[in-house]
Each structure stands twice: as structure tokens, then as C-alpha cells.
Amino acid sequence: MNKQFTILHKDNAAYVDKSFLAKDFASDAFGFVPVAAEDKMLVGFYKFVPSFYVEVGTVKNAVANTITAKYYHATDGWTALDIIDETQGFTASGFIFFRRPKDTNFNELASTVEVDSKTLVWLELTFSEDHTASSTIKGIAPLFSNDKDLEEERSNITDSDLLGSTLASWVLKHQASRKQIVQDIRNKGNIKYRAKADTSTGTSKKYENVFSNITEFDILDFDEIRQASKFLTLSKIFHQELSDKADDKYSVLGKYFYEQFTRSFSLFFLKLDIDDDGEEGEDDVAKSTKIIDIVRE
């Protein structure tokens, strides 16, 4: 099973894999251009991905445009998908959200399909206008919070005097928070499983559970964790970037926001994709981080 979050740029009939550059916001910015109206961006994973974050480069696309999205349906082919695009056509950094396609019985509709020799659940994005030819992308990957969340608490947090001359945003701190939160969830004893057929017994199939670690793709609704990520990111900024001694005002703010993170992370119920099928269902877990034992519905 391909576990890689895959980003493809389709330029007419040719595919260019941007996954390696896109997956980490610390990587160099890369050209996603020329993104013309006939080009497509395809996002693939082994299960449906309801959202991801786009960090644009220092040279931003200046052409107003809209994004339309499709998913693949086994019977109907490529089918329109509802989208909320905070990037406004890659003209700004932001989240892109997709409404999970389901039928009237709440059965998942998205199917795998082969694209560029990779069989995954693909989302296809099309742009309405040609983009600025020199524009770049810094990364495309899941996050749990962004700079707009930070500004709710500290309106000046993205001012240049705090960011300094080398940073355009706090995206790397959001990425660090995502990694820490996922590791904390793992450390508290959460795992996921996938039923796997064992055909070694001949005609009588025996099933066994294959266990693996929780990842950022297993949080079914990141809004449940967004507040915690916001506070953890603020704590990292004040402690790691702005404070230069233990008792200065930035250190005090760092401790305050870490306390807020701890409270937020301890009080919510978090739905995890425990059965690793990409959708919320009876086999998934709603658990409190206060009571870490898995409780099945």
C-alpha cells in the first residue's frame, strides 16, 4: 500500500511529481508553474484526505482565479466535489477543505483510480486562469493551525519585527506542533489497524489485524485539535524564537500558552480513524485525551 501523500502537476498529458518538495514546509520553494487553465493538480493518498494546507512562496501568484475540484467515483468517473479554498486560487497561503462525498446511506463514494501508474484515492484540482509564471509554492501538506489562528490571541504575531528578515510566516512552527501532537497521541497508547486477508490457508480465508502508528491523516476532523495546535505553536514561538532569558516577558507568555495548550489537549474528544479507512464509522474511536484508553462505540 502506498502511504505517500502524492502531489502531481499535470501539464497537458505529462505528469510531474512534486511530492518530495511539497511534503515538508522546510524544503525549498518549488515552481508549480506554468499553471495554465488546462493544467491540473492532483492530490493522491490511499484514503480520502479532507483538507491540506498550501504555503505559497515569496513570489505569489497574482492572478485572480478559482479552483474546481473532482473526485473519482467507480461508476460515474470524475465527479464534482465541494471545496472551500482559503488560498483563493493559490494567491495566498491557506487551507483547502473538501466535503467528503457520501451517498444517502452515508457510504463513502470516493474510489481509487490509477493516475501516473499510482492507484490511489485522487482529488483533481483545476484552475480557472493561468497563474503568474514566476510564482512558487513552499509546501502542500496537512497542518492543524495557521497564522490566522495565532492572530486571534496576538494580533501582531506576524509583524516583521517578530518574524525577522528570514521568515515570511510561522508555518514551520505549525509543522512542529503537528508533529508533536501526533507523537503525543501515539505516546498515549493510540494505534490503528487494518484487517488483512491471510490466504495461506487455501480456500478458508483467515483475517488478521495489521497494526500501525497514528499519523496526521488519521485525525478525522482537525478542528477538534486546532485550538490545541494554536496554543502550542504560540508557546514554541515565544519560548524558542523570541525569549532570550528565563524570566523575560516572552518566556512568561510561552509558559502561559503552553498551559493553554495542555488544557485544550486534555479536554476535547478526538475522533481518530482507528480502522484506517478514511471515514468516520462505527469502528472508529471517540476518546478523551484525559482518559487515554481506547473506548469503542
C-alpha atoms as a PDB file:
ATOM      1  CA  MET A   1       0.000   0.000   0.000  1.00  0.00           C
ATOM      2  CA  ASN A   2       1.336   3.412  -0.984  1.00  0.00           C
ATOM      3  CA  LYS A   3       1.316   5.580   2.164  1.00  0.00           C
ATOM      4  CA  GLN A   4       2.858   8.603   0.474  1.00  0.00           C
ATOM      5  CA  PHE A   5       0.859  11.806   0.182  1.00  0.00           C
ATOM      6  CA  THR A   6       1.314  12.406  -3.544  1.00  0.00           C
ATOM      7  CA  ILE A   7       1.200  15.750  -5.370  1.00  0.00           C
ATOM      8  CA  LEU A   8       1.188  15.719  -9.170  1.00  0.00           C
ATOM      9  CA  HIS A   9       1.205  18.594 -11.637  1.00  0.00           C
ATOM     10  CA  LYS A  10      -0.431  17.529 -14.883  1.00  0.00           C
ATOM     11  CA  ASP A  11       0.770  19.710 -17.735  1.00  0.00           C
ATOM     12  CA  ASN A  12      -1.493  18.593 -20.576  1.00  0.00           C
ATOM     13  CA  ALA A  13      -0.646  14.872 -20.832  1.00  0.00           C
ATOM     14  CA  ALA A  14       2.611  14.971 -18.835  1.00  0.00           C
ATOM     15  CA  TYR A  15       2.776  14.391 -15.065  1.00  0.00           C
ATOM     16  CA  VAL A  16       5.423  15.937 -12.809  1.00  0.00           C
ATOM     17  CA  ASP A  17       5.675  14.552  -9.272  1.00  0.00           C
ATOM     18  CA  LYS A  18       6.086  17.378  -6.727  1.00  0.00           C
ATOM     19  CA  SER A  19       5.581  15.186  -3.635  1.00  0.00           C
ATOM     20  CA  PHE A  20       9.112  15.306  -2.246  1.00  0.00           C
ATOM     21  CA  LEU A  21       9.336  19.108  -2.344  1.00  0.00           C
ATOM     22  CA  ALA A  22       5.747  19.658  -1.200  1.00  0.00           C
ATOM     23  CA  LYS A  23       5.628  17.381   1.854  1.00  0.00           C
ATOM     24  CA  ASP A  24       7.847  19.472   4.167  1.00  0.00           C
ATOM     25  CA  PHE A  25       7.438  23.218   4.643  1.00  0.00           C
ATOM     26  CA  ALA A  26      11.158  23.445   5.416  1.00  0.00           C
ATOM     27  CA  SER A  27      12.027  22.372   1.865  1.00  0.00           C
ATOM     28  CA  ASP A  28      12.980  24.836  -0.832  1.00  0.00           C
ATOM     29  CA  ALA A  29      10.136  26.575  -2.632  1.00  0.00           C
ATOM     30  CA  PHE A  30       9.315  24.962  -5.953  1.00  0.00           C
ATOM     31  CA  GLY A  31       7.719  26.105  -9.153  1.00  0.00           C
ATOM     32  CA  PHE A  32       4.214  24.900  -9.757  1.00  0.00           C
ATOM     33  CA  VAL A  33       4.132  26.776 -12.995  1.00  0.00           C
ATOM     34  CA  PRO A  34       3.231  27.460 -15.609  1.00  0.00           C
ATOM     35  CA  VAL A  35      -0.162  26.534 -14.140  1.00  0.00           C
ATOM     36  CA  ALA A  36      -2.405  27.193 -17.074  1.00  0.00           C
ATOM     37  CA  ALA A  37      -6.146  26.784 -17.179  1.00  0.00           C
ATOM     38  CA  GLU A  38      -5.764  23.429 -18.936  1.00  0.00           C
ATOM     39  CA  ASP A  39      -3.319  22.140 -16.279  1.00  0.00           C
ATOM     40  CA  LYS A  40      -4.398  20.154 -13.243  1.00  0.00           C
ATOM     41  CA  MET A  41      -3.094  19.494  -9.762  1.00  0.00           C
ATOM     42  CA  LEU A  42      -3.780  16.009  -8.423  1.00  0.00           C
ATOM     43  CA  VAL A  43      -3.556  15.051  -4.762  1.00  0.00           C
ATOM     44  CA  GLY A  44      -3.484  11.339  -4.015  1.00  0.00           C
ATOM     45  CA  PHE A  45      -3.433   9.168  -0.919  1.00  0.00           C
ATOM     46  CA  TYR A  46      -4.565   5.654  -0.045  1.00  0.00           C
ATOM     47  CA  LYS A  47      -7.682   7.126   1.592  1.00  0.00           C
ATOM     48  CA  PHE A  48      -9.709  10.314   1.257  1.00  0.00           C
ATOM     49  CA  VAL A  49      -7.941  13.460   2.524  1.00  0.00           C
ATOM     50  CA  PRO A  50     -10.468  16.111   3.681  1.00  0.00           C
ATOM     51  CA  SER A  51      -8.042  19.033   3.905  1.00  0.00           C
ATOM     52  CA  PHE A  52      -4.470  20.211   3.499  1.00  0.00           C
ATOM     53  CA  TYR A  53      -2.544  23.460   3.813  1.00  0.00           C
ATOM     54  CA  VAL A  54      -0.858  25.364   0.998  1.00  0.00           C
ATOM     55  CA  GLU A  55       2.020  27.710   1.819  1.00  0.00           C
ATOM     56  CA  VAL A  56       2.777  29.958  -1.121  1.00  0.00           C
ATOM     57  CA  GLY A  57       6.323  31.104  -1.824  1.00  0.00           C
ATOM     58  CA  THR A  58       7.722  34.605  -1.576  1.00  0.00           C
ATOM     59  CA  VAL A  59       6.726  35.155  -5.208  1.00  0.00           C
ATOM     60  CA  LYS A  60       2.958  34.770  -5.063  1.00  0.00           C
ATOM     61  CA  ASN A  61       0.509  34.094  -7.830  1.00  0.00           C
ATOM     62  CA  ALA A  62      -1.115  37.466  -8.560  1.00  0.00           C
ATOM     63  CA  VAL A  63      -3.787  36.248 -10.981  1.00  0.00           C
ATOM     64  CA  ALA A  64      -7.294  36.053  -9.514  1.00  0.00           C
ATOM     65  CA  ASN A  65      -8.809  32.645 -10.233  1.00  0.00           C
ATOM     66  CA  THR A  66     -10.984  29.912  -8.798  1.00  0.00           C
ATOM     67  CA  ILE A  67     -10.311  26.234  -8.166  1.00  0.00           C
ATOM     68  CA  THR A  68     -12.771  23.484  -9.006  1.00  0.00           C
ATOM     69  CA  ALA A  69     -12.331  20.011  -7.552  1.00  0.00           C
ATOM     70  CA  LYS A  70     -13.335  16.484  -8.540  1.00  0.00           C
ATOM     71  CA  TYR A  71     -13.016  13.042  -7.001  1.00  0.00           C
ATOM     72  CA  TYR A  72     -13.160   9.677  -8.726  1.00  0.00           C
ATOM     73  CA  HIS A  73     -16.373   7.628  -8.499  1.00  0.00           C
ATOM     74  CA  ALA A  74     -16.152   3.984  -9.559  1.00  0.00           C
ATOM     75  CA  THR A  75     -19.343   4.199 -11.656  1.00  0.00           C
ATOM     76  CA  ASP A  76     -19.626   7.865 -12.622  1.00  0.00           C
ATOM     77  CA  GLY A  77     -15.939   8.668 -13.152  1.00  0.00           C
ATOM     78  CA  TRP A  78     -14.602  12.096 -12.234  1.00  0.00           C
ATOM     79  CA  THR A  79     -17.336  13.833 -10.210  1.00  0.00           C
ATOM     80  CA  ALA A  80     -17.630  17.387  -8.843  1.00  0.00           C
ATOM     81  CA  LEU A  81     -16.564  17.857  -5.222  1.00  0.00           C
ATOM     82  CA  ASP A  82     -17.498  20.721  -2.891  1.00  0.00           C
ATOM     83  CA  ILE A  83     -14.451  22.782  -1.912  1.00  0.00           C
ATOM     84  CA  ILE A  84     -13.612  25.656   0.434  1.00  0.00           C
ATOM     85  CA  ASP A  85     -10.467  27.366  -0.844  1.00  0.00           C
ATOM     86  CA  GLU A  86      -8.816  29.768   1.600  1.00  0.00           C
ATOM     87  CA  THR A  87      -5.912  30.223  -0.828  1.00  0.00           C
ATOM     88  CA  GLN A  88      -8.185  31.951  -3.388  1.00  0.00           C
ATOM     89  CA  GLY A  89      -6.582  30.121  -6.257  1.00  0.00           C
ATOM     90  CA  PHE A  90      -3.075  29.900  -4.741  1.00  0.00           C
ATOM     91  CA  THR A  91      -2.858  33.689  -4.399  1.00  0.00           C
ATOM     92  CA  ALA A  92      -2.336  33.359  -0.608  1.00  0.00           C
ATOM     93  CA  SER A  93      -1.423  30.711   1.945  1.00  0.00           C
ATOM     94  CA  GLY A  94      -4.348  28.852   3.456  1.00  0.00           C
ATOM     95  CA  PHE A  95      -6.299  25.658   3.946  1.00  0.00           C
ATOM     96  CA  ILE A  96      -8.228  23.865   1.248  1.00  0.00           C
ATOM     97  CA  PHE A  97     -11.166  21.821   2.561  1.00  0.00           C
ATOM     98  CA  PHE A  98     -13.117  19.144   0.708  1.00  0.00           C
ATOM     99  CA  ARG A  99     -16.567  17.884   1.660  1.00  0.00           C
ATOM    100  CA  ARG A 100     -16.336  14.123   1.999  1.00  0.00           C
ATOM    101  CA  PRO A 101     -18.546  12.566  -0.719  1.00  0.00           C
ATOM    102  CA  LYS A 102     -21.182  10.181   0.666  1.00  0.00           C
ATOM    103  CA  ASP A 103     -24.455   8.763  -0.556  1.00  0.00           C
ATOM    104  CA  THR A 104     -27.812   8.947   1.243  1.00  0.00           C
ATOM    105  CA  ASN A 105     -26.803   5.956   3.371  1.00  0.00           C
ATOM    106  CA  PHE A 106     -23.544   7.692   4.338  1.00  0.00           C
ATOM    107  CA  ASN A 107     -21.439   5.231   2.372  1.00  0.00           C
ATOM    108  CA  GLU A 108     -18.100   6.543   1.130  1.00  0.00           C
ATOM    109  CA  LEU A 109     -18.176   7.304  -2.601  1.00  0.00           C
ATOM    110  CA  ALA A 110     -14.543   8.137  -3.391  1.00  0.00           C
ATOM    111  CA  SER A 111     -12.780   5.250  -5.147  1.00  0.00           C
ATOM    112  CA  THR A 112      -9.207   4.513  -6.108  1.00  0.00           C
ATOM    113  CA  VAL A 113      -8.102   5.021  -9.696  1.00  0.00           C
ATOM    114  CA  GLU A 114      -4.751   4.729 -11.463  1.00  0.00           C
ATOM    115  CA  VAL A 115      -3.092   8.042 -12.282  1.00  0.00           C
ATOM    116  CA  ASP A 116       0.521   8.157 -13.475  1.00  0.00           C
ATOM    117  CA  SER A 117       0.899   4.450 -12.557  1.00  0.00           C
ATOM    118  CA  LYS A 118      -0.241   5.117  -8.961  1.00  0.00           C
ATOM    119  CA  THR A 119      -3.536   3.639  -7.764  1.00  0.00           C
ATOM    120  CA  LEU A 120      -4.828   5.963  -5.023  1.00  0.00           C
ATOM    121  CA  VAL A 121      -7.845   7.980  -3.973  1.00  0.00           C
ATOM    122  CA  TRP A 122      -7.230  11.059  -6.107  1.00  0.00           C
ATOM    123  CA  LEU A 123      -8.558  14.609  -5.870  1.00  0.00           C
ATOM    124  CA  GLU A 124      -8.268  16.635  -9.068  1.00  0.00           C
ATOM    125  CA  LEU A 125      -7.941  20.439  -8.911  1.00  0.00           C
ATOM    126  CA  THR A 126      -8.374  22.674 -11.951  1.00  0.00           C
ATOM    127  CA  PHE A 127      -7.580  26.412 -12.078  1.00  0.00           C
ATOM    128  CA  SER A 128      -9.737  28.882 -13.985  1.00  0.00           C
ATOM    129  CA  GLU A 129      -6.872  31.149 -15.154  1.00  0.00           C
ATOM    130  CA  ASP A 130      -3.183  30.997 -15.985  1.00  0.00           C
ATOM    131  CA  HIS A 131      -1.018  31.719 -12.938  1.00  0.00           C
ATOM    132  CA  THR A 132       1.829  34.180 -12.612  1.00  0.00           C
ATOM    133  CA  ALA A 133       4.719  32.412 -14.325  1.00  0.00           C
ATOM    134  CA  SER A 134       7.303  33.075 -11.594  1.00  0.00           C
ATOM    135  CA  SER A 135       5.144  32.117  -8.605  1.00  0.00           C
ATOM    136  CA  THR A 136       6.229  29.315  -6.286  1.00  0.00           C
ATOM    137  CA  ILE A 137       4.855  27.021  -3.592  1.00  0.00           C
ATOM    138  CA  LYS A 138       6.610  26.363  -0.280  1.00  0.00           C
ATOM    139  CA  GLY A 139       4.667  23.254   0.710  1.00  0.00           C
ATOM    140  CA  ILE A 140       1.396  21.332   0.469  1.00  0.00           C
ATOM    141  CA  ALA A 141       0.649  19.115   3.473  1.00  0.00           C
ATOM    142  CA  PRO A 142      -1.715  18.725   6.440  1.00  0.00           C
ATOM    143  CA  LEU A 143      -1.477  21.223   9.310  1.00  0.00           C
ATOM    144  CA  PHE A 144      -3.656  21.725  12.393  1.00  0.00           C
ATOM    145  CA  SER A 145      -3.406  25.543  12.650  1.00  0.00           C
ATOM    146  CA  ASN A 146      -2.132  28.569  10.746  1.00  0.00           C
ATOM    147  CA  ASP A 147      -1.050  32.165  11.337  1.00  0.00           C
ATOM    148  CA  LYS A 148      -4.624  33.472  11.291  1.00  0.00           C
ATOM    149  CA  ASP A 149      -5.310  31.305  14.338  1.00  0.00           C
ATOM    150  CA  LEU A 150      -2.329  32.855  16.130  1.00  0.00           C
ATOM    151  CA  GLU A 151      -3.596  36.363  15.394  1.00  0.00           C
ATOM    152  CA  GLU A 152      -6.740  35.590  17.385  1.00  0.00           C
ATOM    153  CA  GLU A 153      -4.539  35.648  20.502  1.00  0.00           C
ATOM    154  CA  ARG A 154      -1.716  38.010  19.481  1.00  0.00           C
ATOM    155  CA  SER A 155      -2.693  40.371  16.670  1.00  0.00           C
ATOM    156  CA  ASN A 156       0.921  41.418  15.994  1.00  0.00           C
ATOM    157  CA  ILE A 157       2.405  37.915  15.923  1.00  0.00           C
ATOM    158  CA  THR A 158       3.074  38.052  12.166  1.00  0.00           C
ATOM    159  CA  ASP A 159       4.639  41.521  12.201  1.00  0.00           C
ATOM    160  CA  SER A 160       8.035  41.674  10.512  1.00  0.00           C
ATOM    161  CA  ASP A 161       9.784  42.753  13.712  1.00  0.00           C
ATOM    162  CA  LEU A 162       8.783  39.426  15.290  1.00  0.00           C
ATOM    163  CA  LEU A 163       9.214  37.234  12.221  1.00  0.00           C
ATOM    164  CA  GLY A 164      12.588  38.729  11.405  1.00  0.00           C
ATOM    165  CA  SER A 165      14.151  39.118   7.995  1.00  0.00           C
ATOM    166  CA  THR A 166      14.346  35.425   7.068  1.00  0.00           C
ATOM    167  CA  LEU A 167      10.783  34.237   7.713  1.00  0.00           C
ATOM    168  CA  ALA A 168       7.582  35.021   5.848  1.00  0.00           C
ATOM    169  CA  SER A 169       5.303  33.141   8.255  1.00  0.00           C
ATOM    170  CA  TRP A 170       5.316  30.785  11.255  1.00  0.00           C
ATOM    171  CA  VAL A 171       4.489  27.745   9.114  1.00  0.00           C
ATOM    172  CA  LEU A 172       7.481  25.760  10.412  1.00  0.00           C
ATOM    173  CA  LYS A 173       6.244  26.175  13.984  1.00  0.00           C
ATOM    174  CA  HIS A 174       2.797  24.945  12.936  1.00  0.00           C
ATOM    175  CA  GLN A 175       4.510  21.950  11.355  1.00  0.00           C
ATOM    176  CA  ALA A 176       6.498  21.303  14.537  1.00  0.00           C
ATOM    177  CA  SER A 177       3.262  21.482  16.563  1.00  0.00           C
ATOM    178  CA  ARG A 178       1.588  18.994  14.228  1.00  0.00           C
ATOM    179  CA  LYS A 179       4.462  16.555  14.685  1.00  0.00           C
ATOM    180  CA  GLN A 180       4.474  16.949  18.469  1.00  0.00           C
ATOM    181  CA  ILE A 181       0.708  16.499  18.772  1.00  0.00           C
ATOM    182  CA  VAL A 182       0.770  13.357  16.623  1.00  0.00           C
ATOM    183  CA  GLN A 183       3.628  11.963  18.719  1.00  0.00           C
ATOM    184  CA  ASP A 184       1.750  12.789  21.940  1.00  0.00           C
ATOM    185  CA  ILE A 185      -1.293  10.903  20.634  1.00  0.00           C
ATOM    186  CA  ARG A 186       0.924   7.910  19.846  1.00  0.00           C
ATOM    187  CA  ASN A 187       2.650   8.071  23.224  1.00  0.00           C
ATOM    188  CA  LYS A 188      -0.725   7.838  24.950  1.00  0.00           C
ATOM    189  CA  GLY A 189      -1.292   4.390  23.520  1.00  0.00           C
ATOM    190  CA  ASN A 190      -3.286   5.000  20.351  1.00  0.00           C
ATOM    191  CA  ILE A 191      -2.782   2.742  17.358  1.00  0.00           C
ATOM    192  CA  LYS A 192      -4.763   1.920  14.240  1.00  0.00           C
ATOM    193  CA  TYR A 193      -5.442  -1.338  12.496  1.00  0.00           C
ATOM    194  CA  ARG A 194      -6.407  -2.610   9.091  1.00  0.00           C
ATOM    195  CA  ALA A 195      -7.986  -6.012   8.506  1.00  0.00           C
ATOM    196  CA  LYS A 196      -5.792  -8.060   6.189  1.00  0.00           C
ATOM    197  CA  ALA A 197      -6.767 -11.309   4.490  1.00  0.00           C
ATOM    198  CA  ASP A 198      -4.477 -14.300   5.056  1.00  0.00           C
ATOM    199  CA  THR A 199      -4.884 -16.616   2.056  1.00  0.00           C
ATOM    200  CA  SER A 200      -2.194 -19.067   3.140  1.00  0.00           C
ATOM    201  CA  THR A 201      -4.875 -21.461   4.452  1.00  0.00           C
ATOM    202  CA  GLY A 202      -6.217 -22.090   0.955  1.00  0.00           C
ATOM    203  CA  THR A 203      -9.963 -21.699   0.375  1.00  0.00           C
ATOM    204  CA  SER A 204     -10.645 -20.852   4.013  1.00  0.00           C
ATOM    205  CA  LYS A 205      -9.620 -17.221   4.478  1.00  0.00           C
ATOM    206  CA  LYS A 206      -8.422 -16.146   7.864  1.00  0.00           C
ATOM    207  CA  TYR A 207      -8.281 -12.439   8.799  1.00  0.00           C
ATOM    208  CA  GLU A 208      -5.751 -10.759  10.996  1.00  0.00           C
ATOM    209  CA  ASN A 209      -5.352  -7.163  12.131  1.00  0.00           C
ATOM    210  CA  VAL A 210      -2.278  -5.287  10.969  1.00  0.00           C
ATOM    211  CA  PHE A 211      -1.399  -2.516  13.413  1.00  0.00           C
ATOM    212  CA  SER A 212       0.427   0.734  12.689  1.00  0.00           C
ATOM    213  CA  ASN A 213       1.038   4.198  14.101  1.00  0.00           C
ATOM    214  CA  ILE A 214      -1.445   7.052  14.102  1.00  0.00           C
ATOM    215  CA  THR A 215      -0.480   9.812  11.632  1.00  0.00           C
ATOM    216  CA  GLU A 216      -1.736  13.319  10.891  1.00  0.00           C
ATOM    217  CA  PHE A 217      -4.019  11.783   8.245  1.00  0.00           C
ATOM    218  CA  ASP A 218      -5.926   9.814  10.898  1.00  0.00           C
ATOM    219  CA  ILE A 219      -7.428  12.842  12.637  1.00  0.00           C
ATOM    220  CA  LEU A 220     -10.872  12.906  11.061  1.00  0.00           C
ATOM    221  CA  ASP A 221     -11.715  16.493  11.988  1.00  0.00           C
ATOM    222  CA  PHE A 222      -8.688  18.670  12.710  1.00  0.00           C
ATOM    223  CA  ASP A 223     -10.951  21.443  14.050  1.00  0.00           C
ATOM    224  CA  GLU A 224     -11.127  19.315  17.205  1.00  0.00           C
ATOM    225  CA  ILE A 225      -7.400  19.852  17.645  1.00  0.00           C
ATOM    226  CA  ARG A 226      -6.993  23.313  16.114  1.00  0.00           C
ATOM    227  CA  GLN A 227      -7.174  25.203  19.409  1.00  0.00           C
ATOM    228  CA  ALA A 228      -4.514  23.000  20.973  1.00  0.00           C
ATOM    229  CA  SER A 229      -2.236  23.436  17.952  1.00  0.00           C
ATOM    230  CA  LYS A 230      -2.675  27.212  18.072  1.00  0.00           C
ATOM    231  CA  PHE A 231      -1.594  27.428  21.714  1.00  0.00           C
ATOM    232  CA  LEU A 232       1.312  25.005  21.264  1.00  0.00           C
ATOM    233  CA  THR A 233       2.578  26.996  18.280  1.00  0.00           C
ATOM    234  CA  LEU A 234       2.405  30.262  20.218  1.00  0.00           C
ATOM    235  CA  SER A 235       4.309  28.636  23.072  1.00  0.00           C
ATOM    236  CA  LYS A 236       7.039  27.489  20.693  1.00  0.00           C
ATOM    237  CA  ILE A 237       7.322  30.950  19.132  1.00  0.00           C
ATOM    238  CA  PHE A 238       7.685  32.794  22.425  1.00  0.00           C
ATOM    239  CA  HIS A 239       9.953  30.204  24.076  1.00  0.00           C
ATOM    240  CA  GLN A 240      12.157  29.237  21.146  1.00  0.00           C
ATOM    241  CA  GLU A 241      12.284  32.325  18.953  1.00  0.00           C
ATOM    242  CA  LEU A 242      11.571  35.448  20.994  1.00  0.00           C
ATOM    243  CA  SER A 243      12.705  34.780  24.556  1.00  0.00           C
ATOM    244  CA  ASP A 244      16.368  35.291  25.410  1.00  0.00           C
ATOM    245  CA  LYS A 245      16.228  34.698  29.160  1.00  0.00           C
ATOM    246  CA  ALA A 246      14.130  32.616  31.530  1.00  0.00           C
ATOM    247  CA  ASP A 247      12.063  35.370  33.125  1.00  0.00           C
ATOM    248  CA  ASP A 248      11.522  37.853  30.308  1.00  0.00           C
ATOM    249  CA  LYS A 249       8.021  38.710  29.050  1.00  0.00           C
ATOM    250  CA  TYR A 250       8.297  36.309  26.130  1.00  0.00           C
ATOM    251  CA  SER A 251       9.211  33.441  28.428  1.00  0.00           C
ATOM    252  CA  VAL A 252       6.190  34.237  30.593  1.00  0.00           C
ATOM    253  CA  LEU A 253       3.959  34.257  27.506  1.00  0.00           C
ATOM    254  CA  GLY A 254       5.485  30.961  26.350  1.00  0.00           C
ATOM    255  CA  LYS A 255       4.609  29.312  29.673  1.00  0.00           C
ATOM    256  CA  TYR A 256       1.113  30.784  29.610  1.00  0.00           C
ATOM    257  CA  PHE A 257       0.368  29.466  26.126  1.00  0.00           C
ATOM    258  CA  TYR A 258       1.805  26.051  26.958  1.00  0.00           C
ATOM    259  CA  GLU A 259      -0.606  25.846  29.883  1.00  0.00           C
ATOM    260  CA  GLN A 260      -3.427  26.738  27.496  1.00  0.00           C
ATOM    261  CA  PHE A 261      -2.240  24.007  25.136  1.00  0.00           C
ATOM    262  CA  THR A 262      -2.237  21.439  27.938  1.00  0.00           C
ATOM    263  CA  ARG A 263      -5.807  22.353  28.905  1.00  0.00           C
ATOM    264  CA  SER A 264      -7.046  22.286  25.317  1.00  0.00           C
ATOM    265  CA  PHE A 265      -5.344  18.993  24.607  1.00  0.00           C
ATOM    266  CA  SER A 266      -6.771  17.415  27.767  1.00  0.00           C
ATOM    267  CA  LEU A 267     -10.435  18.354  27.468  1.00  0.00           C
ATOM    268  CA  PHE A 268     -11.586  17.540  23.957  1.00  0.00           C
ATOM    269  CA  PHE A 269     -12.814  14.296  22.434  1.00  0.00           C
ATOM    270  CA  LEU A 270     -10.778  13.399  19.406  1.00  0.00           C
ATOM    271  CA  LYS A 271     -12.116  11.191  16.617  1.00  0.00           C
ATOM    272  CA  LEU A 272      -9.360   9.045  15.151  1.00  0.00           C
ATOM    273  CA  ASP A 273      -9.520   6.893  12.058  1.00  0.00           C
ATOM    274  CA  ILE A 274      -8.642   3.757  14.013  1.00  0.00           C
ATOM    275  CA  ASP A 275      -9.748   1.337  11.284  1.00  0.00           C
ATOM    276  CA  ASP A 276      -7.737   3.333   8.702  1.00  0.00           C
ATOM    277  CA  ASP A 277     -10.500   3.510   6.075  1.00  0.00           C
ATOM    278  CA  GLY A 278     -10.540   7.298   5.671  1.00  0.00           C
ATOM    279  CA  GLU A 279     -14.017   7.869   7.073  1.00  0.00           C
ATOM    280  CA  GLU A 280     -15.782   8.155  10.409  1.00  0.00           C
ATOM    281  CA  GLY A 281     -17.669   4.979  11.265  1.00  0.00           C
ATOM    282  CA  GLU A 282     -18.689   2.544  13.958  1.00  0.00           C
ATOM    283  CA  ASP A 283     -15.204   1.111  14.338  1.00  0.00           C
ATOM    284  CA  ASP A 284     -13.581   4.483  14.967  1.00  0.00           C
ATOM    285  CA  VAL A 285     -12.788   5.863  18.363  1.00  0.00           C
ATOM    286  CA  ALA A 286     -14.066   8.949  20.122  1.00  0.00           C
ATOM    287  CA  LYS A 287     -11.802   9.346  23.088  1.00  0.00           C
ATOM    288  CA  SER A 288     -10.705  11.933  25.548  1.00  0.00           C
ATOM    289  CA  THR A 289      -7.024  12.689  25.881  1.00  0.00           C
ATOM    290  CA  LYS A 290      -7.722  12.755  29.607  1.00  0.00           C
ATOM    291  CA  ILE A 291      -8.831   9.100  29.509  1.00  0.00           C
ATOM    292  CA  ILE A 292      -6.470   7.606  27.042  1.00  0.00           C
ATOM    293  CA  ASP A 293      -7.701   4.013  26.977  1.00  0.00           C
ATOM    294  CA  ILE A 294      -9.458   3.178  23.739  1.00  0.00           C
ATOM    295  CA  VAL A 295     -13.217   3.021  24.213  1.00  0.00           C
ATOM    296  CA  ARG A 296     -15.156   1.547  21.334  1.00  0.00           C
ATOM    297  CA  GLU A 297     -18.639   2.733  20.421  1.00  0.00           C
END
